[in-house]
Amino acid sequence: MKKYHLMVTFLFAMFVSGTWASAKDNNLPCMGFSHTVEVSACMFDLAESKKEAYTKEYKVYLGTITTKEERPYDKVVIANLVREARKNWDIYNEKECRAEASIYEEDSYGFNDKYNSCLIKHYDERIKYYRENKF
């Protein structure tokens, strides 16, 4: 019984530290909430907000490729490659984050928080990429 209690305490501490580290790295405002339900709802909303920002930044990035200005490259070819890359990145992102969250039972708070934290991290990285690599 004592081993079980120690194991549960250890796993809980690992979860909290992992969630806290992810939150700290992504500057999540969600850690100020005291109830798990509130934290999970906040992280879901933040992931959705990051997804919208990612989509907006992608459109700006694509616009720099398809501009009417004269360019020394084939804009159609590059635009198609960028569209295909985004589609593949979205698939990768979904699977990568599901894999990371799969250490928890699906649809649990741990799973959902880990999944959304992963999405937030990846959306932030991609937004940064689009901003820094415009044509």
N, C-alpha and C. Protein backbone atom coordinates (compact mmCIF):
# COMPACT_ATOMS: atom_id res chain seq x y z
N MET A 1 0.82 -1.19 0.00
CA MET A 1 0.00 0.00 0.00
C MET A 1 0.87 1.26 0.00
N LYS A 2 1.94 1.21 0.79
CA LYS A 2 2.83 2.36 0.87
C LYS A 2 3.52 2.60 -0.48
N LYS A 3 3.90 1.52 -1.17
CA LYS A 3 4.51 1.66 -2.49
C LYS A 3 3.53 2.30 -3.47
N TYR A 4 2.27 1.88 -3.40
CA TYR A 4 1.25 2.43 -4.28
C TYR A 4 1.11 3.93 -4.04
N HIS A 5 1.06 4.33 -2.77
CA HIS A 5 0.93 5.75 -2.43
C HIS A 5 2.13 6.55 -2.94
N LEU A 6 3.32 6.00 -2.78
CA LEU A 6 4.52 6.67 -3.28
C LEU A 6 4.50 6.79 -4.80
N MET A 7 4.05 5.73 -5.46
CA MET A 7 3.98 5.73 -6.92
C MET A 7 3.00 6.79 -7.41
N VAL A 8 1.82 6.86 -6.80
CA VAL A 8 0.81 7.84 -7.18
C VAL A 8 1.34 9.26 -6.94
N THR A 9 1.98 9.47 -5.80
CA THR A 9 2.55 10.78 -5.49
C THR A 9 3.61 11.16 -6.51
N PHE A 10 4.46 10.21 -6.85
CA PHE A 10 5.52 10.46 -7.83
C PHE A 10 4.93 10.80 -9.19
N LEU A 11 3.95 10.02 -9.64
CA LEU A 11 3.34 10.27 -10.95
C LEU A 11 2.63 11.62 -10.98
N PHE A 12 1.96 11.95 -9.90
CA PHE A 12 1.29 13.25 -9.83
C PHE A 12 2.31 14.39 -9.90
N ALA A 13 3.41 14.24 -9.16
CA ALA A 13 4.46 15.26 -9.18
C ALA A 13 5.05 15.40 -10.58
N MET A 14 5.25 14.28 -11.26
CA MET A 14 5.78 14.32 -12.63
C MET A 14 4.81 15.04 -13.56
N PHE A 15 3.51 14.75 -13.41
CA PHE A 15 2.51 15.40 -14.25
C PHE A 15 2.51 16.90 -14.01
N VAL A 16 2.48 17.29 -12.74
CA VAL A 16 2.43 18.71 -12.41
C VAL A 16 3.69 19.42 -12.92
N SER A 17 4.85 18.81 -12.70
CA SER A 17 6.08 19.46 -13.17
C SER A 17 6.13 19.51 -14.68
N GLY A 18 5.65 18.48 -15.36
CA GLY A 18 5.62 18.48 -16.83
C GLY A 18 4.67 19.52 -17.37
N THR A 19 3.50 19.62 -16.76
CA THR A 19 2.53 20.62 -17.19
C THR A 19 3.05 22.02 -16.88
N TRP A 20 3.66 22.19 -15.71
CA TRP A 20 4.20 23.49 -15.34
C TRP A 20 5.33 23.90 -16.28
N ALA A 21 6.22 22.95 -16.61
CA ALA A 21 7.33 23.26 -17.51
C ALA A 21 6.79 23.66 -18.88
N SER A 22 5.80 22.93 -19.37
CA SER A 22 5.21 23.27 -20.66
C SER A 22 4.56 24.64 -20.60
N ALA A 23 3.87 24.89 -19.51
CA ALA A 23 3.19 26.18 -19.36
C ALA A 23 4.21 27.31 -19.29
N LYS A 24 5.27 27.10 -18.53
CA LYS A 24 6.29 28.12 -18.38
C LYS A 24 6.96 28.41 -19.72
N ASP A 25 7.27 27.37 -20.48
CA ASP A 25 7.91 27.53 -21.77
C ASP A 25 7.03 28.29 -22.75
N ASN A 26 5.73 28.10 -22.66
CA ASN A 26 4.81 28.72 -23.60
C ASN A 26 4.16 29.98 -23.04
N ASN A 27 4.59 30.40 -21.86
CA ASN A 27 4.01 31.58 -21.22
C ASN A 27 2.49 31.49 -21.12
N LEU A 28 2.01 30.35 -20.69
CA LEU A 28 0.57 30.15 -20.59
C LEU A 28 -0.01 30.90 -19.41
N PRO A 29 -1.06 31.65 -19.63
CA PRO A 29 -1.72 32.34 -18.53
C PRO A 29 -2.63 31.41 -17.74
N CYS A 30 -2.77 30.19 -18.16
CA CYS A 30 -3.75 29.27 -17.59
C CYS A 30 -3.36 28.71 -16.23
N MET A 31 -2.13 28.84 -15.84
CA MET A 31 -1.70 28.23 -14.59
C MET A 31 -2.16 29.00 -13.36
N GLY A 32 -2.78 30.15 -13.55
CA GLY A 32 -3.29 30.93 -12.42
C GLY A 32 -4.60 30.40 -11.87
N PHE A 33 -5.22 29.48 -12.57
CA PHE A 33 -6.49 28.92 -12.12
C PHE A 33 -6.24 27.84 -11.08
N SER A 34 -7.19 27.70 -10.16
CA SER A 34 -7.01 26.73 -9.08
C SER A 34 -7.70 25.40 -9.36
N HIS A 35 -8.62 25.35 -10.29
CA HIS A 35 -9.35 24.11 -10.56
C HIS A 35 -8.93 23.53 -11.91
N THR A 36 -8.78 22.22 -11.95
CA THR A 36 -8.35 21.52 -13.15
C THR A 36 -9.24 21.84 -14.34
N VAL A 37 -10.54 21.89 -14.10
CA VAL A 37 -11.49 22.15 -15.19
C VAL A 37 -11.21 23.52 -15.81
N GLU A 38 -10.94 24.51 -14.96
CA GLU A 38 -10.66 25.86 -15.46
C GLU A 38 -9.36 25.90 -16.25
N VAL A 39 -8.35 25.20 -15.77
CA VAL A 39 -7.06 25.15 -16.47
C VAL A 39 -7.25 24.51 -17.84
N SER A 40 -7.96 23.39 -17.87
CA SER A 40 -8.18 22.69 -19.14
C SER A 40 -8.96 23.54 -20.13
N ALA A 41 -9.99 24.22 -19.65
CA ALA A 41 -10.78 25.09 -20.53
C ALA A 41 -9.92 26.24 -21.06
N CYS A 42 -9.11 26.81 -20.20
CA CYS A 42 -8.22 27.90 -20.60
C CYS A 42 -7.22 27.43 -21.66
N MET A 43 -6.63 26.26 -21.44
CA MET A 43 -5.65 25.74 -22.40
C MET A 43 -6.30 25.42 -23.74
N PHE A 44 -7.53 24.90 -23.71
CA PHE A 44 -8.25 24.64 -24.96
C PHE A 44 -8.47 25.95 -25.70
N ASP A 45 -8.95 26.97 -24.98
CA ASP A 45 -9.19 28.27 -25.61
C ASP A 45 -7.90 28.88 -26.15
N LEU A 46 -6.82 28.74 -25.41
CA LEU A 46 -5.53 29.28 -25.85
C LEU A 46 -5.03 28.55 -27.09
N ALA A 47 -5.21 27.23 -27.14
CA ALA A 47 -4.81 26.46 -28.32
C ALA A 47 -5.61 26.91 -29.54
N GLU A 48 -6.90 27.14 -29.36
CA GLU A 48 -7.74 27.62 -30.47
C GLU A 48 -7.30 29.01 -30.92
N SER A 49 -6.97 29.85 -29.98
CA SER A 49 -6.50 31.20 -30.30
C SER A 49 -5.19 31.15 -31.07
N LYS A 50 -4.28 30.27 -30.65
CA LYS A 50 -3.00 30.11 -31.35
C LYS A 50 -3.22 29.56 -32.75
N LYS A 51 -4.19 28.68 -32.90
CA LYS A 51 -4.49 28.12 -34.22
C LYS A 51 -4.98 29.23 -35.16
N GLU A 52 -5.82 30.12 -34.65
CA GLU A 52 -6.29 31.25 -35.45
C GLU A 52 -5.13 32.16 -35.84
N ALA A 53 -4.24 32.43 -34.90
CA ALA A 53 -3.07 33.28 -35.18
C ALA A 53 -2.17 32.61 -36.21
N TYR A 54 -2.01 31.30 -36.09
CA TYR A 54 -1.21 30.51 -37.04
C TYR A 54 -1.81 30.60 -38.44
N THR A 55 -3.12 30.46 -38.56
CA THR A 55 -3.80 30.54 -39.86
C THR A 55 -3.64 31.94 -40.45
N LYS A 56 -3.79 32.95 -39.63
CA LYS A 56 -3.64 34.33 -40.10
C LYS A 56 -2.21 34.58 -40.59
N GLU A 57 -1.23 34.13 -39.83
CA GLU A 57 0.17 34.35 -40.20
C GLU A 57 0.52 33.57 -41.47
N TYR A 58 -0.07 32.38 -41.63
CA TYR A 58 0.14 31.58 -42.84
C TYR A 58 -0.36 32.36 -44.06
N LYS A 59 -1.53 32.96 -43.95
CA LYS A 59 -2.09 33.72 -45.08
C LYS A 59 -1.20 34.90 -45.45
N VAL A 60 -0.65 35.57 -44.45
CA VAL A 60 0.28 36.68 -44.71
C VAL A 60 1.52 36.15 -45.42
N TYR A 61 2.05 35.05 -44.90
CA TYR A 61 3.24 34.41 -45.48
C TYR A 61 2.99 34.02 -46.94
N LEU A 62 1.86 33.37 -47.19
CA LEU A 62 1.51 32.96 -48.55
C LEU A 62 1.35 34.18 -49.45
N GLY A 63 0.81 35.26 -48.90
CA GLY A 63 0.65 36.50 -49.65
C GLY A 63 1.98 37.09 -50.10
N THR A 64 3.04 36.87 -49.33
CA THR A 64 4.35 37.39 -49.74
C THR A 64 4.91 36.60 -50.91
N ILE A 65 4.42 35.40 -51.11
CA ILE A 65 4.86 34.56 -52.24
C ILE A 65 4.06 34.90 -53.49
N THR A 66 2.77 35.07 -53.33
CA THR A 66 1.88 35.25 -54.48
C THR A 66 1.66 36.72 -54.83
N THR A 67 2.51 37.58 -54.35
CA THR A 67 2.39 39.01 -54.63
C THR A 67 2.40 39.28 -56.14
N LYS A 68 1.82 40.38 -56.55
CA LYS A 68 1.80 40.74 -57.97
C LYS A 68 3.13 41.32 -58.43
N GLU A 69 4.00 41.61 -57.48
CA GLU A 69 5.32 42.14 -57.83
C GLU A 69 6.12 41.10 -58.61
N GLU A 70 7.00 41.60 -59.45
CA GLU A 70 7.88 40.72 -60.24
C GLU A 70 8.84 40.01 -59.29
N ARG A 71 8.95 38.71 -59.46
CA ARG A 71 9.87 37.91 -58.63
C ARG A 71 10.69 36.99 -59.52
N PRO A 72 11.90 36.64 -59.09
CA PRO A 72 12.76 35.78 -59.92
C PRO A 72 12.47 34.29 -59.75
N TYR A 73 11.33 33.95 -59.25
CA TYR A 73 11.00 32.54 -59.04
C TYR A 73 9.57 32.28 -59.52
N ASP A 74 9.26 31.01 -59.69
CA ASP A 74 7.92 30.62 -60.12
C ASP A 74 6.99 30.65 -58.91
N LYS A 75 6.19 31.69 -58.82
CA LYS A 75 5.32 31.88 -57.66
C LYS A 75 4.29 30.77 -57.50
N VAL A 76 3.79 30.26 -58.60
CA VAL A 76 2.77 29.20 -58.54
C VAL A 76 3.36 27.92 -57.95
N VAL A 77 4.54 27.55 -58.40
CA VAL A 77 5.19 26.33 -57.89
C VAL A 77 5.46 26.47 -56.39
N ILE A 78 6.04 27.59 -56.00
CA ILE A 78 6.37 27.78 -54.58
C ILE A 78 5.11 27.84 -53.73
N ALA A 79 4.09 28.53 -54.20
CA ALA A 79 2.83 28.61 -53.44
C ALA A 79 2.22 27.23 -53.25
N ASN A 80 2.26 26.41 -54.29
CA ASN A 80 1.72 25.04 -54.17
C ASN A 80 2.53 24.21 -53.19
N LEU A 81 3.85 24.38 -53.22
CA LEU A 81 4.70 23.65 -52.27
C LEU A 81 4.42 24.10 -50.83
N VAL A 82 4.21 25.38 -50.63
CA VAL A 82 3.91 25.90 -49.30
C VAL A 82 2.55 25.38 -48.82
N ARG A 83 1.57 25.35 -49.69
CA ARG A 83 0.26 24.81 -49.32
C ARG A 83 0.36 23.34 -48.92
N GLU A 84 1.11 22.58 -49.70
CA GLU A 84 1.30 21.16 -49.41
C GLU A 84 2.07 20.98 -48.09
N ALA A 85 3.07 21.81 -47.88
CA ALA A 85 3.84 21.74 -46.63
C ALA A 85 2.96 22.02 -45.42
N ARG A 86 2.08 23.02 -45.55
CA ARG A 86 1.19 23.33 -44.43
C ARG A 86 0.26 22.16 -44.15
N LYS A 87 -0.30 21.60 -45.20
CA LYS A 87 -1.21 20.46 -45.02
C LYS A 87 -0.48 19.32 -44.30
N ASN A 88 0.73 19.02 -44.73
CA ASN A 88 1.50 17.95 -44.10
C ASN A 88 1.91 18.31 -42.68
N TRP A 89 2.24 19.58 -42.44
CA TRP A 89 2.61 20.01 -41.10
C TRP A 89 1.43 19.88 -40.15
N ASP A 90 0.23 20.24 -40.63
CA ASP A 90 -0.97 20.11 -39.79
C ASP A 90 -1.19 18.66 -39.38
N ILE A 91 -1.00 17.75 -40.33
CA ILE A 91 -1.15 16.31 -40.03
C ILE A 91 -0.09 15.87 -39.03
N TYR A 92 1.15 16.27 -39.28
CA TYR A 92 2.24 15.94 -38.36
C TYR A 92 1.96 16.47 -36.96
N ASN A 93 1.56 17.73 -36.89
CA ASN A 93 1.31 18.38 -35.60
C ASN A 93 0.24 17.63 -34.81
N GLU A 94 -0.84 17.27 -35.47
CA GLU A 94 -1.93 16.52 -34.82
C GLU A 94 -1.41 15.20 -34.26
N LYS A 95 -0.68 14.46 -35.07
CA LYS A 95 -0.19 13.14 -34.65
C LYS A 95 0.89 13.25 -33.58
N GLU A 96 1.78 14.22 -33.72
CA GLU A 96 2.85 14.42 -32.73
C GLU A 96 2.26 14.74 -31.36
N CYS A 97 1.29 15.64 -31.34
CA CYS A 97 0.69 16.04 -30.07
C CYS A 97 -0.16 14.92 -29.47
N ARG A 98 -0.84 14.15 -30.30
CA ARG A 98 -1.58 12.99 -29.79
C ARG A 98 -0.61 11.97 -29.20
N ALA A 99 0.53 11.78 -29.84
CA ALA A 99 1.52 10.84 -29.32
C ALA A 99 2.05 11.32 -27.97
N GLU A 100 2.37 12.60 -27.87
CA GLU A 100 2.87 13.14 -26.59
C GLU A 100 1.83 12.98 -25.48
N ALA A 101 0.58 13.22 -25.81
CA ALA A 101 -0.49 13.16 -24.80
C ALA A 101 -0.90 11.73 -24.46
N SER A 102 -0.50 10.79 -25.27
CA SER A 102 -0.95 9.40 -25.09
C SER A 102 -0.38 8.72 -23.85
N ILE A 103 0.50 9.39 -23.13
CA ILE A 103 0.95 8.80 -21.87
C ILE A 103 -0.17 8.86 -20.83
N TYR A 104 -1.21 9.65 -21.12
CA TYR A 104 -2.37 9.77 -20.24
C TYR A 104 -3.57 9.09 -20.91
N GLU A 105 -4.56 8.76 -20.11
CA GLU A 105 -5.78 8.16 -20.64
C GLU A 105 -6.48 9.18 -21.53
N GLU A 106 -6.92 8.73 -22.70
CA GLU A 106 -7.55 9.64 -23.65
C GLU A 106 -8.77 10.32 -23.03
N ASP A 107 -8.93 11.58 -23.33
CA ASP A 107 -10.01 12.44 -22.84
C ASP A 107 -9.93 12.75 -21.34
N SER A 108 -8.81 12.42 -20.70
CA SER A 108 -8.61 12.83 -19.31
C SER A 108 -8.06 14.25 -19.30
N TYR A 109 -8.05 14.87 -18.13
CA TYR A 109 -7.49 16.22 -18.04
C TYR A 109 -6.01 16.21 -18.41
N GLY A 110 -5.29 15.20 -17.97
CA GLY A 110 -3.87 15.10 -18.30
C GLY A 110 -3.65 15.02 -19.79
N PHE A 111 -4.42 14.17 -20.47
CA PHE A 111 -4.32 14.01 -21.92
C PHE A 111 -4.62 15.34 -22.61
N ASN A 112 -5.75 15.93 -22.27
CA ASN A 112 -6.17 17.17 -22.95
C ASN A 112 -5.20 18.32 -22.69
N ASP A 113 -4.72 18.43 -21.46
CA ASP A 113 -3.78 19.52 -21.15
C ASP A 113 -2.46 19.32 -21.88
N LYS A 114 -1.95 18.10 -21.90
CA LYS A 114 -0.70 17.82 -22.60
C LYS A 114 -0.86 18.06 -24.10
N TYR A 115 -1.98 17.61 -24.65
CA TYR A 115 -2.27 17.78 -26.08
C TYR A 115 -2.32 19.27 -26.44
N ASN A 116 -3.08 20.05 -25.67
CA ASN A 116 -3.21 21.47 -25.97
C ASN A 116 -1.91 22.23 -25.75
N SER A 117 -1.16 21.85 -24.74
CA SER A 117 0.14 22.47 -24.50
C SER A 117 1.07 22.22 -25.69
N CYS A 118 1.04 21.01 -26.21
CA CYS A 118 1.85 20.66 -27.38
C CYS A 118 1.42 21.48 -28.60
N LEU A 119 0.12 21.58 -28.83
CA LEU A 119 -0.38 22.38 -29.96
C LEU A 119 0.09 23.83 -29.84
N ILE A 120 -0.04 24.39 -28.65
CA ILE A 120 0.36 25.77 -28.43
C ILE A 120 1.83 25.96 -28.77
N LYS A 121 2.65 25.06 -28.28
CA LYS A 121 4.10 25.13 -28.53
C LYS A 121 4.39 25.09 -30.04
N HIS A 122 3.76 24.14 -30.73
CA HIS A 122 4.02 24.00 -32.17
C HIS A 122 3.46 25.16 -32.98
N TYR A 123 2.28 25.66 -32.61
CA TYR A 123 1.74 26.83 -33.31
C TYR A 123 2.65 28.04 -33.13
N ASP A 124 3.15 28.23 -31.92
CA ASP A 124 4.07 29.35 -31.68
C ASP A 124 5.32 29.23 -32.55
N GLU A 125 5.86 28.02 -32.64
CA GLU A 125 7.06 27.80 -33.47
C GLU A 125 6.78 28.11 -34.94
N ARG A 126 5.63 27.67 -35.42
CA ARG A 126 5.30 27.87 -36.83
C ARG A 126 5.00 29.34 -37.13
N ILE A 127 4.33 30.01 -36.20
CA ILE A 127 4.08 31.44 -36.36
C ILE A 127 5.41 32.18 -36.47
N LYS A 128 6.34 31.84 -35.61
CA LYS A 128 7.67 32.46 -35.65
C LYS A 128 8.34 32.19 -36.99
N TYR A 129 8.24 30.97 -37.48
CA TYR A 129 8.83 30.62 -38.78
C TYR A 129 8.24 31.49 -39.89
N TYR A 130 6.91 31.59 -39.94
CA TYR A 130 6.27 32.38 -40.99
C TYR A 130 6.69 33.85 -40.91
N ARG A 131 6.82 34.37 -39.72
CA ARG A 131 7.20 35.78 -39.56
C ARG A 131 8.64 36.04 -39.98
N GLU A 132 9.51 35.09 -39.72
CA GLU A 132 10.94 35.29 -39.99
C GLU A 132 11.37 34.88 -41.39
N ASN A 133 10.52 34.21 -42.15
CA ASN A 133 10.94 33.67 -43.45
C ASN A 133 10.05 34.11 -44.60
N LYS A 134 9.58 35.33 -44.56
CA LYS A 134 8.74 35.83 -45.65
C LYS A 134 9.58 36.01 -46.90
N PHE A 135 8.93 35.88 -48.05
CA PHE A 135 9.62 36.02 -49.34
C PHE A 135 9.76 37.47 -49.72
